Amino acid sequence: MEIIRTEDFEQSFRKLPSEIQRLYAVQKDRFLSNWRDPRLHIKKVKTLPYALSFRITRRYRVFFYFKDAETAVFFDVDHRKDIYR
């Protein structure tokens, strides 16, 4: 599995607390091993067609979509109260 991180994702990621960035790395590794791992809590994003989200923590989410069967595009990361706007 390949992950592409957009510039918007990178900007949002740099603003996250360092602890959340560290936990993101753990979840990203799980995603790379098995994107269907139940610890990721993957869900469809109702407001965006084809978009999915996974949890970093109960409060932080990553939005992504699949470009093809082997490529995921991470396009946003933020606190759940802000990311769904």
PDB file of N, CA and C in Angstrom:
ATOM      1  N   MET A   1       0.854  -1.183   0.000  1.00  0.00           N
ATOM      2  CA  MET A   1       0.000   0.000   0.000  1.00  0.00           C
ATOM      3  C   MET A   1       0.895   1.240   0.000  1.00  0.00           C
ATOM      4  N   GLU A   2       0.559   2.179  -0.843  1.00  0.00           N
ATOM      5  CA  GLU A   2       1.271   3.454  -0.905  1.00  0.00           C
ATOM      6  C   GLU A   2       0.349   4.544  -0.358  1.00  0.00           C
ATOM      7  N   ILE A   3       0.931   5.492   0.356  1.00  0.00           N
ATOM      8  CA  ILE A   3       0.171   6.625   0.885  1.00  0.00           C
ATOM      9  C   ILE A   3       0.705   7.901   0.261  1.00  0.00           C
ATOM     10  N   ILE A   4      -0.204   8.691  -0.284  1.00  0.00           N
ATOM     11  CA  ILE A   4       0.126  10.015  -0.802  1.00  0.00           C
ATOM     12  C   ILE A   4      -0.483  11.028   0.166  1.00  0.00           C
ATOM     13  N   ARG A   5       0.340  11.956   0.623  1.00  0.00           N
ATOM     14  CA  ARG A   5      -0.134  12.989   1.542  1.00  0.00           C
ATOM     15  C   ARG A   5      -0.184  14.313   0.784  1.00  0.00           C
ATOM     16  N   THR A   6      -1.372  14.919   0.715  1.00  0.00           N
ATOM     17  CA  THR A   6      -1.519  16.180  -0.012  1.00  0.00           C
ATOM     18  C   THR A   6      -0.883  17.325   0.765  1.00  0.00           C
ATOM     19  N   GLU A   7      -0.698  18.454   0.085  1.00  0.00           N
ATOM     20  CA  GLU A   7      -0.138  19.642   0.738  1.00  0.00           C
ATOM     21  C   GLU A   7      -1.062  20.123   1.860  1.00  0.00           C
ATOM     22  N   ASP A   8      -2.378  20.066   1.647  1.00  0.00           N
ATOM     23  CA  ASP A   8      -3.332  20.443   2.711  1.00  0.00           C
ATOM     24  C   ASP A   8      -3.159  19.548   3.931  1.00  0.00           C
ATOM     25  N   PHE A   9      -2.975  18.254   3.695  1.00  0.00           N
ATOM     26  CA  PHE A   9      -2.738  17.326   4.796  1.00  0.00           C
ATOM     27  C   PHE A   9      -1.468  17.719   5.544  1.00  0.00           C
ATOM     28  N   GLU A  10      -0.405  17.973   4.798  1.00  0.00           N
ATOM     29  CA  GLU A  10       0.876  18.323   5.418  1.00  0.00           C
ATOM     30  C   GLU A  10       0.763  19.582   6.282  1.00  0.00           C
ATOM     31  N   GLN A  11       0.059  20.590   5.790  1.00  0.00           N
ATOM     32  CA  GLN A  11      -0.118  21.831   6.557  1.00  0.00           C
ATOM     33  C   GLN A  11      -0.887  21.562   7.846  1.00  0.00           C
ATOM     34  N   SER A  12      -1.963  20.802   7.758  1.00  0.00           N
ATOM     35  CA  SER A  12      -2.753  20.478   8.949  1.00  0.00           C
ATOM     36  C   SER A  12      -1.956  19.626   9.921  1.00  0.00           C
ATOM     37  N   PHE A  13      -1.188  18.693   9.376  1.00  0.00           N
ATOM     38  CA  PHE A  13      -0.393  17.795  10.222  1.00  0.00           C
ATOM     39  C   PHE A  13       0.632  18.566  11.047  1.00  0.00           C
ATOM     40  N   ARG A  14       1.292  19.531  10.440  1.00  0.00           N
ATOM     41  CA  ARG A  14       2.303  20.323  11.159  1.00  0.00           C
ATOM     42  C   ARG A  14       1.702  21.098  12.336  1.00  0.00           C
ATOM     43  N   LYS A  15       0.414  21.397  12.282  1.00  0.00           N
ATOM     44  CA  LYS A  15      -0.245  22.158  13.350  1.00  0.00           C
ATOM     45  C   LYS A  15      -0.686  21.275  14.521  1.00  0.00           C
ATOM     46  N   LEU A  16      -0.646  19.963  14.344  1.00  0.00           N
ATOM     47  CA  LEU A  16      -1.104  19.055  15.398  1.00  0.00           C
ATOM     48  C   LEU A  16      -0.124  19.016  16.563  1.00  0.00           C
ATOM     49  N   PRO A  17      -0.623  18.748  17.766  1.00  0.00           N
ATOM     50  CA  PRO A  17       0.285  18.554  18.908  1.00  0.00           C
ATOM     51  C   PRO A  17       1.230  17.377  18.636  1.00  0.00           C
ATOM     52  N   SER A  18       2.421  17.426  19.207  1.00  0.00           N
ATOM     53  CA  SER A  18       3.428  16.390  18.944  1.00  0.00           C
ATOM     54  C   SER A  18       2.950  15.001  19.371  1.00  0.00           C
ATOM     55  N   GLU A  19       2.183  14.902  20.433  1.00  0.00           N
ATOM     56  CA  GLU A  19       1.661  13.602  20.877  1.00  0.00           C
ATOM     57  C   GLU A  19       0.713  13.013  19.830  1.00  0.00           C
ATOM     58  N   ILE A  20      -0.102  13.834  19.206  1.00  0.00           N
ATOM     59  CA  ILE A  20      -1.025  13.364  18.168  1.00  0.00           C
ATOM     60  C   ILE A  20      -0.230  12.950  16.928  1.00  0.00           C
ATOM     61  N   GLN A  21       0.827  13.675  16.612  1.00  0.00           N
ATOM     62  CA  GLN A  21       1.685  13.293  15.484  1.00  0.00           C
ATOM     63  C   GLN A  21       2.321  11.919  15.730  1.00  0.00           C
ATOM     64  N   ARG A  22       2.731  11.665  16.960  1.00  0.00           N
ATOM     65  CA  ARG A  22       3.318  10.371  17.306  1.00  0.00           C
ATOM     66  C   ARG A  22       2.279   9.255  17.183  1.00  0.00           C
ATOM     67  N   LEU A  23       1.071   9.495  17.672  1.00  0.00           N
ATOM     68  CA  LEU A  23       0.010   8.495  17.583  1.00  0.00           C
ATOM     69  C   LEU A  23      -0.432   8.271  16.134  1.00  0.00           C
ATOM     70  N   TYR A  24      -0.364   9.332  15.317  1.00  0.00           N
ATOM     71  CA  TYR A  24      -0.647   9.180  13.890  1.00  0.00           C
ATOM     72  C   TYR A  24       0.289   8.148  13.270  1.00  0.00           C
ATOM     73  N   ALA A  25       1.562   8.195  13.626  1.00  0.00           N
ATOM     74  CA  ALA A  25       2.545   7.261  13.067  1.00  0.00           C
ATOM     75  C   ALA A  25       2.167   5.810  13.382  1.00  0.00           C
ATOM     76  N   VAL A  26       1.662   5.570  14.581  1.00  0.00           N
ATOM     77  CA  VAL A  26       1.226   4.226  14.963  1.00  0.00           C
ATOM     78  C   VAL A  26       0.040   3.793  14.098  1.00  0.00           C
ATOM     79  N   GLN A  27      -0.946   4.669  13.960  1.00  0.00           N
ATOM     80  CA  GLN A  27      -2.129   4.337  13.160  1.00  0.00           C
ATOM     81  C   GLN A  27      -1.780   4.200  11.680  1.00  0.00           C
ATOM     82  N   LYS A  28      -0.862   5.018  11.192  1.00  0.00           N
ATOM     83  CA  LYS A  28      -0.442   4.924   9.792  1.00  0.00           C
ATOM     84  C   LYS A  28       0.190   3.559   9.525  1.00  0.00           C
ATOM     85  N   ASP A  29       1.013   3.074  10.459  1.00  0.00           N
ATOM     86  CA  ASP A  29       1.629   1.753  10.304  1.00  0.00           C
ATOM     87  C   ASP A  29       0.563   0.651  10.287  1.00  0.00           C
ATOM     88  N   ARG A  30      -0.445   0.787  11.130  1.00  0.00           N
ATOM     89  CA  ARG A  30      -1.558  -0.175  11.098  1.00  0.00           C
ATOM     90  C   ARG A  30      -2.269  -0.127   9.759  1.00  0.00           C
ATOM     91  N   PHE A  31      -2.484   1.078   9.249  1.00  0.00           N
ATOM     92  CA  PHE A  31      -3.143   1.260   7.960  1.00  0.00           C
ATOM     93  C   PHE A  31      -2.340   0.583   6.856  1.00  0.00           C
ATOM     94  N   LEU A  32      -1.025   0.756   6.870  1.00  0.00           N
ATOM     95  CA  LEU A  32      -0.173   0.143   5.854  1.00  0.00           C
ATOM     96  C   LEU A  32      -0.178  -1.384   5.942  1.00  0.00           C
ATOM     97  N   SER A  33      -0.238  -1.918   7.155  1.00  0.00           N
ATOM     98  CA  SER A  33      -0.268  -3.371   7.339  1.00  0.00           C
ATOM     99  C   SER A  33      -1.599  -3.972   6.896  1.00  0.00           C
ATOM    100  N   ASN A  34      -2.680  -3.340   7.318  1.00  0.00           N
ATOM    101  CA  ASN A  34      -4.021  -3.830   7.004  1.00  0.00           C
ATOM    102  C   ASN A  34      -4.998  -2.676   7.182  1.00  0.00           C
ATOM    103  N   TRP A  35      -5.412  -2.074   6.071  1.00  0.00           N
ATOM    104  CA  TRP A  35      -6.262  -0.887   6.184  1.00  0.00           C
ATOM    105  C   TRP A  35      -7.632  -1.212   6.774  1.00  0.00           C
ATOM    106  N   ARG A  36      -7.965  -2.472   6.883  1.00  0.00           N
ATOM    107  CA  ARG A  36      -9.255  -2.867   7.475  1.00  0.00           C
ATOM    108  C   ARG A  36      -9.136  -3.223   8.959  1.00  0.00           C
ATOM    109  N   ASP A  37      -8.003  -2.935   9.559  1.00  0.00           N
ATOM    110  CA  ASP A  37      -7.787  -3.202  10.980  1.00  0.00           C
ATOM    111  C   ASP A  37      -8.875  -2.488  11.785  1.00  0.00           C
ATOM    112  N   PRO A  38      -9.603  -3.205  12.637  1.00  0.00           N
ATOM    113  CA  PRO A  38     -10.704  -2.578  13.388  1.00  0.00           C
ATOM    114  C   PRO A  38     -10.253  -1.482  14.350  1.00  0.00           C
ATOM    115  N   ARG A  39      -8.987  -1.464  14.719  1.00  0.00           N
ATOM    116  CA  ARG A  39      -8.487  -0.414  15.618  1.00  0.00           C
ATOM    117  C   ARG A  39      -8.429   0.947  14.934  1.00  0.00           C
ATOM    118  N   LEU A  40      -8.562   0.976  13.613  1.00  0.00           N
ATOM    119  CA  LEU A  40      -8.581   2.243  12.877  1.00  0.00           C
ATOM    120  C   LEU A  40      -9.963   2.902  12.889  1.00  0.00           C
ATOM    121  N   HIS A  41     -11.001   2.116  13.141  1.00  0.00           N
ATOM    122  CA  HIS A  41     -12.374   2.642  13.155  1.00  0.00           C
ATOM    123  C   HIS A  41     -12.692   3.398  11.856  1.00  0.00           C
ATOM    124  N   ILE A  42     -12.460   2.763  10.729  1.00  0.00           N
ATOM    125  CA  ILE A  42     -12.702   3.396   9.430  1.00  0.00           C
ATOM    126  C   ILE A  42     -14.195   3.531   9.179  1.00  0.00           C
ATOM    127  N   LYS A  43     -14.578   4.728   8.724  1.00  0.00           N
ATOM    128  CA  LYS A  43     -15.978   5.014   8.399  1.00  0.00           C
ATOM    129  C   LYS A  43     -16.063   5.871   7.154  1.00  0.00           C
ATOM    130  N   LYS A  44     -17.197   5.780   6.486  1.00  0.00           N
ATOM    131  CA  LYS A  44     -17.458   6.661   5.351  1.00  0.00           C
ATOM    132  C   LYS A  44     -17.753   8.058   5.866  1.00  0.00           C
ATOM    133  N   VAL A  45     -17.345   9.054   5.109  1.00  0.00           N
ATOM    134  CA  VAL A  45     -17.656  10.439   5.429  1.00  0.00           C
ATOM    135  C   VAL A  45     -18.919  10.785   4.643  1.00  0.00           C
ATOM    136  N   LYS A  46     -20.003  11.018   5.350  1.00  0.00           N
ATOM    137  CA  LYS A  46     -21.305  11.205   4.700  1.00  0.00           C
ATOM    138  C   LYS A  46     -21.357  12.413   3.773  1.00  0.00           C
ATOM    139  N   THR A  47     -20.634  13.445   4.102  1.00  0.00           N
ATOM    140  CA  THR A  47     -20.719  14.689   3.325  1.00  0.00           C
ATOM    141  C   THR A  47     -19.809  14.701   2.099  1.00  0.00           C
ATOM    142  N   LEU A  48     -18.890  13.743   2.002  1.00  0.00           N
ATOM    143  CA  LEU A  48     -17.952  13.694   0.873  1.00  0.00           C
ATOM    144  C   LEU A  48     -18.015  12.320   0.213  1.00  0.00           C
ATOM    145  N   PRO A  49     -18.472  12.248  -1.033  1.00  0.00           N
ATOM    146  CA  PRO A  49     -18.527  10.938  -1.695  1.00  0.00           C
ATOM    147  C   PRO A  49     -17.121  10.363  -1.868  1.00  0.00           C
ATOM    148  N   TYR A  50     -16.982   9.076  -1.670  1.00  0.00           N
ATOM    149  CA  TYR A  50     -15.727   8.325  -1.804  1.00  0.00           C
ATOM    150  C   TYR A  50     -14.721   8.585  -0.693  1.00  0.00           C
ATOM    151  N   ALA A  51     -14.993   9.493   0.212  1.00  0.00           N
ATOM    152  CA  ALA A  51     -14.047   9.778   1.298  1.00  0.00           C
ATOM    153  C   ALA A  51     -14.322   8.869   2.492  1.00  0.00           C
ATOM    154  N   LEU A  52     -13.238   8.514   3.166  1.00  0.00           N
ATOM    155  CA  LEU A  52     -13.296   7.697   4.374  1.00  0.00           C
ATOM    156  C   LEU A  52     -12.489   8.403   5.457  1.00  0.00           C
ATOM    157  N   SER A  53     -12.690   7.982   6.698  1.00  0.00           N
ATOM    158  CA  SER A  53     -11.883   8.543   7.787  1.00  0.00           C
ATOM    159  C   SER A  53     -11.417   7.412   8.690  1.00  0.00           C
ATOM    160  N   PHE A  54     -10.278   7.638   9.357  1.00  0.00           N
ATOM    161  CA  PHE A  54      -9.867   6.732  10.425  1.00  0.00           C
ATOM    162  C   PHE A  54      -9.423   7.548  11.622  1.00  0.00           C
ATOM    163  N   ARG A  55      -9.511   6.914  12.792  1.00  0.00           N
ATOM    164  CA  ARG A  55      -9.176   7.576  14.047  1.00  0.00           C
ATOM    165  C   ARG A  55      -7.678   7.556  14.315  1.00  0.00           C
ATOM    166  N   ILE A  56      -7.205   8.680  14.799  1.00  0.00           N
ATOM    167  CA  ILE A  56      -5.883   8.704  15.432  1.00  0.00           C
ATOM    168  C   ILE A  56      -6.125   8.484  16.926  1.00  0.00           C
ATOM    169  N   THR A  57      -7.044   9.279  17.464  1.00  0.00           N
ATOM    170  CA  THR A  57      -7.542   9.110  18.837  1.00  0.00           C
ATOM    171  C   THR A  57      -9.049   9.304  18.750  1.00  0.00           C
ATOM    172  N   ARG A  58      -9.703   9.304  19.870  1.00  0.00           N
ATOM    173  CA  ARG A  58     -11.149   9.556  19.851  1.00  0.00           C
ATOM    174  C   ARG A  58     -11.462  10.948  19.295  1.00  0.00           C
ATOM    175  N   ARG A  59     -10.537  11.864  19.396  1.00  0.00           N
ATOM    176  CA  ARG A  59     -10.799  13.248  18.985  1.00  0.00           C
ATOM    177  C   ARG A  59     -10.187  13.649  17.646  1.00  0.00           C
ATOM    178  N   TYR A  60      -9.230  12.907  17.143  1.00  0.00           N
ATOM    179  CA  TYR A  60      -8.549  13.294  15.899  1.00  0.00           C
ATOM    180  C   TYR A  60      -8.790  12.266  14.796  1.00  0.00           C
ATOM    181  N   ARG A  61      -8.993  12.785  13.568  1.00  0.00           N
ATOM    182  CA  ARG A  61      -9.301  11.938  12.421  1.00  0.00           C
ATOM    183  C   ARG A  61      -8.420  12.275  11.228  1.00  0.00           C
ATOM    184  N   VAL A  62      -8.234  11.276  10.367  1.00  0.00           N
ATOM    185  CA  VAL A  62      -7.584  11.453   9.068  1.00  0.00           C
ATOM    186  C   VAL A  62      -8.629  11.168   8.009  1.00  0.00           C
ATOM    187  N   PHE A  63      -8.768  12.068   7.037  1.00  0.00           N
ATOM    188  CA  PHE A  63      -9.645  11.848   5.889  1.00  0.00           C
ATOM    189  C   PHE A  63      -8.791  11.355   4.730  1.00  0.00           C
ATOM    190  N   PHE A  64      -9.304  10.347   4.018  1.00  0.00           N
ATOM    191  CA  PHE A  64      -8.567   9.788   2.889  1.00  0.00           C
ATOM    192  C   PHE A  64      -9.534   9.202   1.875  1.00  0.00           C
ATOM    193  N   TYR A  65      -8.995   8.882   0.707  1.00  0.00           N
ATOM    194  CA  TYR A  65      -9.737   8.126  -0.308  1.00  0.00           C
ATOM    195  C   TYR A  65      -8.740   7.244  -1.049  1.00  0.00           C
ATOM    196  N   PHE A  66      -9.263   6.266  -1.749  1.00  0.00           N
ATOM    197  CA  PHE A  66      -8.413   5.370  -2.518  1.00  0.00           C
ATOM    198  C   PHE A  66      -8.330   5.849  -3.955  1.00  0.00           C
ATOM    199  N   LYS A  67      -7.116   6.124  -4.406  1.00  0.00           N
ATOM    200  CA  LYS A  67      -6.872   6.514  -5.792  1.00  0.00           C
ATOM    201  C   LYS A  67      -7.007   5.279  -6.687  1.00  0.00           C
ATOM    202  N   ASP A  68      -6.482   4.152  -6.195  1.00  0.00           N
ATOM    203  CA  ASP A  68      -6.655   2.845  -6.828  1.00  0.00           C
ATOM    204  C   ASP A  68      -6.501   1.800  -5.725  1.00  0.00           C
ATOM    205  N   ALA A  69      -6.469   0.533  -6.093  1.00  0.00           N
ATOM    206  CA  ALA A  69      -6.448  -0.543  -5.094  1.00  0.00           C
ATOM    207  C   ALA A  69      -5.210  -0.515  -4.189  1.00  0.00           C
ATOM    208  N   GLU A  70      -4.129   0.070  -4.662  1.00  0.00           N
ATOM    209  CA  GLU A  70      -2.883   0.073  -3.896  1.00  0.00           C
ATOM    210  C   GLU A  70      -2.426   1.464  -3.455  1.00  0.00           C
ATOM    211  N   THR A  71      -3.251   2.497  -3.653  1.00  0.00           N
ATOM    212  CA  THR A  71      -2.838   3.861  -3.321  1.00  0.00           C
ATOM    213  C   THR A  71      -3.946   4.580  -2.553  1.00  0.00           C
ATOM    214  N   ALA A  72      -3.590   5.067  -1.366  1.00  0.00           N
ATOM    215  CA  ALA A  72      -4.507   5.870  -0.562  1.00  0.00           C
ATOM    216  C   ALA A  72      -3.992   7.306  -0.534  1.00  0.00           C
ATOM    217  N   VAL A  73      -4.908   8.254  -0.652  1.00  0.00           N
ATOM    218  CA  VAL A  73      -4.560   9.669  -0.605  1.00  0.00           C
ATOM    219  C   VAL A  73      -5.101  10.251   0.699  1.00  0.00           C
ATOM    220  N   PHE A  74      -4.191  10.666   1.585  1.00  0.00           N
ATOM    221  CA  PHE A  74      -4.576  11.328   2.829  1.00  0.00           C
ATOM    222  C   PHE A  74      -4.686  12.813   2.514  1.00  0.00           C
ATOM    223  N   PHE A  75      -5.890  13.387   2.671  1.00  0.00           N
ATOM    224  CA  PHE A  75      -6.066  14.774   2.272  1.00  0.00           C
ATOM    225  C   PHE A  75      -6.420  15.727   3.407  1.00  0.00           C
ATOM    226  N   ASP A  76      -6.696  15.234   4.605  1.00  0.00           N
ATOM    227  CA  ASP A  76      -6.942  16.139   5.732  1.00  0.00           C
ATOM    228  C   ASP A  76      -6.755  15.390   7.040  1.00  0.00           C
ATOM    229  N   VAL A  77      -6.361  16.124   8.069  1.00  0.00           N
ATOM    230  CA  VAL A  77      -6.225  15.604   9.423  1.00  0.00           C
ATOM    231  C   VAL A  77      -6.538  16.754  10.372  1.00  0.00           C
ATOM    232  N   ASP A  78      -7.373  16.467  11.376  1.00  0.00           N
ATOM    233  CA  ASP A  78      -7.751  17.536  12.309  1.00  0.00           C
ATOM    234  C   ASP A  78      -8.579  16.960  13.448  1.00  0.00           C
ATOM    235  N   HIS A  79      -8.910  17.830  14.396  1.00  0.00           N
ATOM    236  CA  HIS A  79      -9.813  17.484  15.493  1.00  0.00           C
ATOM    237  C   HIS A  79     -11.191  17.219  14.903  1.00  0.00           C
ATOM    238  N   ARG A  80     -11.909  16.280  15.466  1.00  0.00           N
ATOM    239  CA  ARG A  80     -13.200  15.889  14.887  1.00  0.00           C
ATOM    240  C   ARG A  80     -14.220  17.027  14.875  1.00  0.00           C
ATOM    241  N   LYS A  81     -14.126  17.954  15.796  1.00  0.00           N
ATOM    242  CA  LYS A  81     -15.079  19.074  15.800  1.00  0.00           C
ATOM    243  C   LYS A  81     -14.847  20.020  14.627  1.00  0.00           C
ATOM    244  N   ASP A  82     -13.628  20.001  14.056  1.00  0.00           N
ATOM    245  CA  ASP A  82     -13.300  20.905  12.947  1.00  0.00           C
ATOM    246  C   ASP A  82     -13.280  20.207  11.588  1.00  0.00           C
ATOM    247  N   ILE A  83     -12.926  18.955  11.551  1.00  0.00           N
ATOM    248  CA  ILE A  83     -12.720  18.282  10.269  1.00  0.00           C
ATOM    249  C   ILE A  83     -14.025  18.032   9.508  1.00  0.00           C
ATOM    250  N   TYR A  84     -15.126  17.868  10.209  1.00  0.00           N
ATOM    251  CA  TYR A  84     -16.390  17.568   9.542  1.00  0.00           C
ATOM    252  C   TYR A  84     -17.109  18.808   9.023  1.00  0.00           C
ATOM    253  N   ARG A  85     -16.538  19.974   9.181  1.00  0.00           N
ATOM    254  CA  ARG A  85     -17.164  21.219   8.697  1.00  0.00           C
ATOM    255  C   ARG A  85     -17.015  21.359   7.219  1.00  0.00           C
TER     256      ARG A  85
END
